[in-house]
Amino acid sequence: MTTPALLPLSGRRIPTLAPGASSFPHHRATLRLSEKFILLLILSAFITLCFGAFFFLPDNSKHKRFDLGLEDVLIPHINSNKEGKQPSAQIIHGQGGHDEHRHREEEESLQSKIRADHERALEEAKEKLRKSREELQAVIRTEKTKLAQDLKKRDSPPPLPPVPMPKLVGVKDGDPGDPDVKEKRDKIREMMKHAWDSYRQCGWGHNELKPLSKKGHSTNIFGNSQLGATIVDALDTLYIMGLHNEFRDGQEWVEQNLDWSVNVEVSVFEVNIRFIGGLLAAYYLSGQEVFKVKAVQLAEKLLPAFNTPTGIPWAMVNLKSGVGRNWGWASAGSSILAEFGTLHMEFVHLTYLTRNPVYYQKVMHIRKLLAKMDRPNGLYPNYLNPRTGRWGQHHTSVGGLGDSFYEYLLKAWLMSGRTDTEARKTYDEAIEAIERHLIRKSSSGLTFIGEWKNGHLERKMGHLTCFAGGMFALGADGSPDDKAGHYLQLGAEIAHTCHESYDRTVLKLGPEAFKFDSGLEAVAVRQNEKYYILRPEVIETYWYMWRFTHDPKYRQWGWEAAQAIDKYCRVSGGFSGVKDVYSSNPTYDDVQQSFFLAETLKYLYLLFSGDDLLPLENWVFNTEAHPLPVLHQRNLTLPEGNTLR
């Protein structure tokens, strides 16, 4: 039966009546509309019935459903005719038999596969139900672990590009030869093992250790998270001492637990020198990729700290949110010279290992900005506002707040294979101003480095400043105007002054700060300056002076310090700082600092080792004593073709 053509409802027009015309025609038109509407309803019901029949026919009829050409209407993105012919009519009239047979085979194959999968799933379910509760829990744990690993792989960053390993010399041994010296070195190794084992037992995973309380400890520089600062800081010391089991324990913790995706605010400076520096050193010494990967992941978390109007980074950054801020006590919201100026070594290595220029660009921007600024009396103030780019309080120090800025200028030159002449020139100019304004001799002839505060020299020297003796000796070779001998002698004088600060105490350990005023020399005056917190700077200078002069007094002085530490700072749960080095019965501060394992014990071990262990021609130590190899940068290029300077 042929169905009359129907106009679409949306296109149907109703004639307009002329004025005065009878309403009957309008009524008849209405009747015709009603009749057609009823016919449309009947047709719709018929179509619905047909479609319903298709769904309820037996299986062997169902395959014909898609042979009606309907898939080209209902599923227009599927081309059922692979040869591009018009599907509907041709399938029905021309290819029906052949295609029907083919579709039937495909449908049966699909149903067989579904049935097999269903039966296999049922068998697996039955098998699991036969297991005991413990076995089921083990299966669940396995599946969860697999899922976590799959998610970790999915979220992990792309692999780092392969780069050639720099020439590594002297990463093992360092046997001093002399049995007496070797015995002293073995003692230092035993002290390291005691410190590590105590932390391993009582503070594992925490940032530091409270050796008397025998529990974990942390400070605000690490936030409130357990980042294992002592583990990361100690890795390279363990490695060069040959404590391989302990090193493997540390590596395992790093692999399984060190996670930077935590909502915690940290010091950019401290995590750079301790964590990035420690991880990079562990990578170069051991070749284990995990350390490099973790260092790069952390570095990416630090980059938001540089999002300031000047590019001078904030002191603190939240590892999760990237929000930065400065210390509340710093001059007018300023950043600190020793913090933003102590990133260069680690960031240059990050660019080398990742081929990503962003790290190098960040630290070079800081250098260029400082080069444009006026410096009062040629000195660098300790405070710089990251918003305005202006100096804060005019306070200059080679100790706290300023120290490692000068150190990294020199070491940037050394680490570049002495090709970064800009860094060397900046260092020489800064040291010249420091000599002119800050270095003086006491009435008894002790050379000291004071602090410049608003045009006035304060005749006080901090324990932190004692590192400068080693810095002067390290920078002697290459000094302008043939001043190598002068700076080596200046280093020796600073070493002597700092030894005096130790020797004039009851415990033979140096105070936090000491004065040269009112008849007192190299002695602490204030009670809050009489403490010793296991600091390394004096021993660091002894080691550098030993390497450059081989004068036996430096090993003797180092041994005196080691004995004093072992006698007065050692407790059953590790090593603790003391609150008063002038008291024969001192109280403890109950903190084993991570830098004690990273620096103090490492420098003591190197002092009693041969010069072939980490030779200074091939290695440069960051300010946390983490050794990084020299990069001969004239041979290294960035992806854009720019040569590292």
Foldseek 3Di string as FASTA:
>chain_A
DDDDDDDDPVPDDDDDDDPPDDCVVVVVVVVVVVVVVVVVVVVVVVVVVVVVCLVPDDPLSVLCPVQQVCCCVVVVVDDPDPVPDRRHPCCVPPVVVVVSVVSVVVVVVVVVVVVVVVVVVVVVVVVLVVDDPVVNVVVVVVVVVVVVVVVCVVPPDDDFDDADQPDDFFAEDQALPDPVLVVLLVVLVVQLVLQLVLCVQQEPQAQFFLQVVSHHDDDQQWFDGRQPLLLLLQLSVCRHSVVVVSNVVSVVCLVPPRDLQDFGKHFQQVCQQRQLLSLQLNCSSPVDCSSLSSSLLVVVLQVLQLPEPQSQGERMATSNPRDGFHDPPAFPRWDFQLRSLQNQPSLVVNCNRRLDCPSVVSNVSVVVLVVPDDDVLLEDAGTAHRHPRDGGFRKGDCFPRHVQSLVVLLVVCLLQVNPPVVSVVSSLSNVVSQVVPFWDAFPVGQIAGFMDGPNDTFQKHFPRNLLVLLSLQVSLVPHPPNCSVVSPVVSVSSLVLQQVQQVPAPLSDHWGMAGRDDPGGSYDDDLQGFKDFLDARSLNSLLSNCLRPVPCVSLVSLSSNVVSQCVPQDDSSHGFIWRHRRDPDTDTPSINRSLNSNHRSSSNSSSSGHCSNQNSSFWDARPSRRTDGRHNQVPDARPVRHTRD
